C-alpha atoms as a PDB file:
ATOM      1  CA  MET A   1      84.656  73.732 181.820  1.00  0.00           C
ATOM      2  CA  ASN A   2      83.698  74.971 185.259  1.00  0.00           C
ATOM      3  CA  ILE A   3      84.291  78.608 184.171  1.00  0.00           C
ATOM      4  CA  LEU A   4      81.904  78.218 181.230  1.00  0.00           C
ATOM      5  CA  GLY A   5      79.329  76.673 183.523  1.00  0.00           C
ATOM      6  CA  ASN A   6      79.683  79.545 186.030  1.00  0.00           C
ATOM      7  CA  ILE A   7      79.291  82.164 183.291  1.00  0.00           C
ATOM      8  CA  LEU A   8      76.162  80.532 181.946  1.00  0.00           C
ATOM      9  CA  LYS A   9      74.614  80.122 185.468  1.00  0.00           C
ATOM     10  CA  GLU A  10      74.966  83.773 186.464  1.00  0.00           C
ATOM     11  CA  ASP A  11      73.378  85.400 183.360  1.00  0.00           C
ATOM     12  CA  PRO A  12      72.860  83.049 180.404  1.00  0.00           C
ATOM     13  CA  SER A  13      71.627  85.700 177.957  1.00  0.00           C
ATOM     14  CA  SER A  14      74.527  88.117 178.500  1.00  0.00           C
ATOM     15  CA  ALA A  15      76.978  85.219 178.431  1.00  0.00           C
ATOM     16  CA  LEU A  16      75.553  84.039 175.120  1.00  0.00           C
ATOM     17  CA  THR A  17      75.735  87.597 173.807  1.00  0.00           C
ATOM     18  CA  ASN A  18      79.385  87.806 174.889  1.00  0.00           C
ATOM     19  CA  VAL A  19      80.181  84.516 173.147  1.00  0.00           C
ATOM     20  CA  PHE A  20      78.489  85.721 169.944  1.00  0.00           C
ATOM     21  CA  LEU A  21      80.329  89.047 170.201  1.00  0.00           C
ATOM     22  CA  VAL A  22      83.713  87.342 170.606  1.00  0.00           C
ATOM     23  CA  PHE A  23      82.892  84.976 167.760  1.00  0.00           C
ATOM     24  CA  PHE A  24      81.804  87.922 165.561  1.00  0.00           C
ATOM     25  CA  ILE A  25      85.014  89.849 166.345  1.00  0.00           C
ATOM     26  CA  PHE A  26      87.073  86.735 165.573  1.00  0.00           C
ATOM     27  CA  ILE A  27      85.273  86.292 162.208  1.00  0.00           C
ATOM     28  CA  LEU A  28      85.679  90.001 161.426  1.00  0.00           C
ATOM     29  CA  ILE A  29      89.425  89.891 162.138  1.00  0.00           C
ATOM     30  CA  THR A  30      89.817  86.690 160.096  1.00  0.00           C
ATOM     31  CA  VAL A  31      87.938  88.163 157.111  1.00  0.00           C
ATOM     32  CA  SER A  32      89.927  91.411 157.359  1.00  0.00           C
ATOM     33  CA  LEU A  33      93.207  89.503 157.388  1.00  0.00           C
ATOM     34  CA  ALA A  34      92.075  87.435 154.390  1.00  0.00           C
ATOM     35  CA  PHE A  35      91.184  90.597 152.462  1.00  0.00           C
ATOM     36  CA  TYR A  36      94.518  92.188 153.356  1.00  0.00           C
ATOM     37  CA  TYR A  37      96.422  89.076 152.288  1.00  0.00           C
ATOM     38  CA  ASP A  38      94.446  89.001 149.016  1.00  0.00           C
ATOM     39  CA  TYR A  39      95.129  92.713 148.465  1.00  0.00           C
ATOM     40  CA  MET A  40      98.886  92.235 148.940  1.00  0.00           C
ATOM     41  CA  LYS A  41      98.867  89.216 146.598  1.00  0.00           C
ATOM     42  CA  ASN A  42      97.017  91.260 143.945  1.00  0.00           C
ATOM     43  CA  LYS A  43      99.545  94.096 144.241  1.00  0.00           C
ATOM     44  CA  LYS A  44     102.388  91.636 143.695  1.00  0.00           C
ATOM     45  CA  ASN A  45     100.604  90.122 140.688  1.00  0.00           C
ATOM     46  CA  GLU A  46      99.969  93.590 139.208  1.00  0.00           C
ATOM     47  CA  LYS A  47     103.701  94.317 139.365  1.00  0.00           C
ATOM     48  CA  LYS A  48     104.479  91.030 137.623  1.00  0.00           C
ATOM     49  CA  ILE A  49     101.851  91.730 134.946  1.00  0.00           C
ATOM     50  CA  SER A  50     103.266  95.204 134.254  1.00  0.00           C
ATOM     51  CA  ILE A  51     106.763  93.716 133.928  1.00  0.00           C
ATOM     52  CA  LEU A  52     105.449  91.111 131.507  1.00  0.00           C
ATOM     53  CA  GLU A  53     103.611  93.770 129.485  1.00  0.00           C
ATOM     54  CA  ARG A  54     106.819  95.791 129.144  1.00  0.00           C
ATOM     55  CA  ALA A  55     108.720  92.681 128.099  1.00  0.00           C
ATOM     56  CA  ILE A  56     106.077  91.861 125.488  1.00  0.00           C
ATOM     57  CA  LYS A  57     106.242  95.427 124.121  1.00  0.00           C
ATOM     58  CA  ASP A  58     110.024  95.134 123.866  1.00  0.00           C
ATOM     59  CA  LEU A  59     109.684  91.835 122.022  1.00  0.00           C
ATOM     60  CA  ILE A  60     107.187  93.367 119.616  1.00  0.00           C
ATOM     61  CA  GLU A  61     109.632  96.182 118.854  1.00  0.00           C
ATOM     62  CA  GLU A  62     112.415  93.663 118.255  1.00  0.00           C
ATOM     63  CA  PHE A  63     110.198  91.694 115.884  1.00  0.00           C
ATOM     64  CA  ARG A  64     109.370  94.889 114.013  1.00  0.00           C
ATOM     65  CA  SER A  65     113.044  95.723 113.608  1.00  0.00           C
ATOM     66  CA  PHE A  66     113.715  92.186 112.353  1.00  0.00           C
ATOM     67  CA  GLU A  67     110.803  92.530 109.953  1.00  0.00           C
ATOM     68  CA  LEU A  68     112.298  95.732 108.526  1.00  0.00           C
ATOM     69  CA  LEU A  69     115.707  94.138 108.268  1.00  0.00           C
ATOM     70  CA  LEU A  70     114.309  91.084 106.508  1.00  0.00           C
ATOM     71  CA  SER A  71     112.291  93.300 104.199  1.00  0.00           C
ATOM     72  CA  ASP A  72     115.478  95.107 103.181  1.00  0.00           C
ATOM     73  CA  GLN A  73     117.235  91.777 102.650  1.00  0.00           C
ATOM     74  CA  LYS A  74     114.334  90.604 100.495  1.00  0.00           C
ATOM     75  CA  LYS A  75     114.667  93.700  98.297  1.00  0.00           C
ATOM     76  CA  ILE A  76     118.385  93.115  97.886  1.00  0.00           C
ATOM     77  CA  LEU A  77     117.816  89.471  96.981  1.00  0.00           C
ATOM     78  CA  GLN A  78     115.185  90.476  94.434  1.00  0.00           C
ATOM     79  CA  GLU A  79     117.665  92.883  92.853  1.00  0.00           C
ATOM     80  CA  TYR A  80     120.273  90.112  92.643  1.00  0.00           C
ATOM     81  CA  LYS A  81     117.696  87.776  91.156  1.00  0.00           C
ATOM     82  CA  TYR A  82     116.790  90.373  88.527  1.00  0.00           C
ATOM     83  CA  THR A  83     120.470  90.896  87.674  1.00  0.00           C
ATOM     84  CA  LEU A  84     121.042  87.163  87.352  1.00  0.00           C
ATOM     85  CA  GLU A  85     117.995  86.780  85.126  1.00  0.00           C
ATOM     86  CA  LYS A  86     119.252  89.579  82.868  1.00  0.00           C
ATOM     87  CA  LEU A  87     122.673  87.933  82.653  1.00  0.00           C
ATOM     88  CA  GLU A  88     121.035  84.633  81.808  1.00  0.00           C
ATOM     89  CA  GLN A  89     119.017  86.302  79.062  1.00  0.00           C
ATOM     90  CA  GLU A  90     122.105  87.981  77.652  1.00  0.00           C
ATOM     91  CA  THR A  91     124.029  84.713  77.694  1.00  0.00           C
ATOM     92  CA  SER A  92     121.226  82.792  76.018  1.00  0.00           C
ATOM     93  CA  ARG A  93     120.845  85.564  73.442  1.00  0.00           C
ATOM     94  CA  LEU A  94     124.518  85.231  72.594  1.00  0.00           C
ATOM     95  CA  ALA A  95     124.236  81.451  72.432  1.00  0.00           C
ATOM     96  CA  ASP A  96     121.110  81.620  70.220  1.00  0.00           C
ATOM     97  CA  SER A  97     122.848  83.741  67.653  1.00  0.00           C
ATOM     98  CA  SER A  98     125.328  80.997  66.771  1.00  0.00           C
ATOM     99  CA  LYS A  99     124.250  81.295  63.124  1.00  0.00           C
ATOM    100  CA  GLU A 100     125.802  84.685  62.977  1.00  0.00           C
ATOM    101  CA  ASP A 101     129.192  83.646  64.390  1.00  0.00           C
ATOM    102  CA  SER A 102     131.157  85.777  62.002  1.00  0.00           C
ATOM    103  CA  THR A 103     129.027  88.830  62.812  1.00  0.00           C
ATOM    104  CA  ILE A 104     129.428  88.222  66.542  1.00  0.00           C
ATOM    105  CA  THR A 105     133.146  87.700  66.124  1.00  0.00           C
ATOM    106  CA  THR A 106     133.371  90.997  64.259  1.00  0.00           C
ATOM    107  CA  ALA A 107     131.332  92.719  66.998  1.00  0.00           C
ATOM    108  CA  ILE A 108     133.608  91.242  69.671  1.00  0.00           C
ATOM    109  CA  LYS A 109     136.691  92.479  67.854  1.00  0.00           C
ATOM    110  CA  MET A 110     135.196  95.940  67.424  1.00  0.00           C
ATOM    111  CA  ALA A 111     134.231  96.036  71.103  1.00  0.00           C
ATOM    112  CA  GLY A 112     137.769  95.053  71.985  1.00  0.00           C
ATOM    113  CA  GLU A 113     139.013  97.939  69.861  1.00  0.00           C
ATOM    114  CA  GLY A 114     136.813 100.316  71.855  1.00  0.00           C
ATOM    115  CA  LYS A 115     134.195 101.057  69.213  1.00  0.00           C
ATOM    116  CA  THR A 116     130.865 102.507  70.344  1.00  0.00           C
ATOM    117  CA  LEU A 117     127.540 100.725  70.369  1.00  0.00           C
ATOM    118  CA  GLN A 118     126.285 102.710  67.409  1.00  0.00           C
ATOM    119  CA  GLU A 119     129.440 102.055  65.340  1.00  0.00           C
ATOM    120  CA  ILE A 120     129.218  98.301  65.939  1.00  0.00           C
ATOM    121  CA  SER A 121     125.481  98.297  65.145  1.00  0.00           C
ATOM    122  CA  ASP A 122     125.978 100.222  61.908  1.00  0.00           C
ATOM    123  CA  PHE A 123     128.832  97.994  60.739  1.00  0.00           C
ATOM    124  CA  THR A 124     127.379  94.565  61.664  1.00  0.00           C
ATOM    125  CA  GLY A 125     123.664  95.256  61.364  1.00  0.00           C
ATOM    126  CA  MET A 126     123.044  93.699  64.788  1.00  0.00           C
ATOM    127  CA  ALA A 127     120.431  95.043  67.208  1.00  0.00           C
ATOM    128  CA  THR A 128     121.643  97.175  70.092  1.00  0.00           C
ATOM    129  CA  GLU A 129     120.229  94.642  72.579  1.00  0.00           C
ATOM    130  CA  GLU A 130     122.628  92.052  71.164  1.00  0.00           C
ATOM    131  CA  ILE A 131     125.583  94.405  71.148  1.00  0.00           C
ATOM    132  CA  GLU A 132     125.195  95.638  74.748  1.00  0.00           C
ATOM    133  CA  PRO A 133     126.299  92.356  76.372  1.00  0.00           C
ATOM    134  CA  ILE A 134     129.166  92.038  73.897  1.00  0.00           C
ATOM    135  CA  ILE A 135     130.464  95.476  74.840  1.00  0.00           C
ATOM    136  CA  LYS A 136     129.849  94.698  78.507  1.00  0.00           C
ATOM    137  CA  PHE A 137     131.955  91.532  78.435  1.00  0.00           C
ATOM    138  CA  HIS A 138     134.478  92.274  75.681  1.00  0.00           C
ATOM    139  CA  GLY A 139     134.729  96.063  75.496  1.00  0.00           C
ATOM    140  CA  LYS A 140     137.464  98.236  76.892  1.00  0.00           C
END
């Protein structure tokens, strides 16, 4: 405390100027260090953000590949569904024609003998749409 008193007694204006100058230098150093610390923190955050952006891009590509794979699976399932619907139609068509049992029986026998679609149609008088499933299931 005596030192501060001596400094102020000798030349108070220069002493006050020196105190302000030291205080200003201290503030300047503190602000500079804060900016440097903030700059380093921002650099670290930029690296993390770029890593996250790359990871997100990779995830997007993976989702796109899954989308293509699922799209292909959907097409395959639609083809199976179509095939099953056609089989169901053929089966119901055969079941609906129960009135013509003897004609169907004849067509089945002819298909088993290896006759062609046209031969069976000419002999039985059945439509080719009815004969196709018979040949498919009972033909050679």
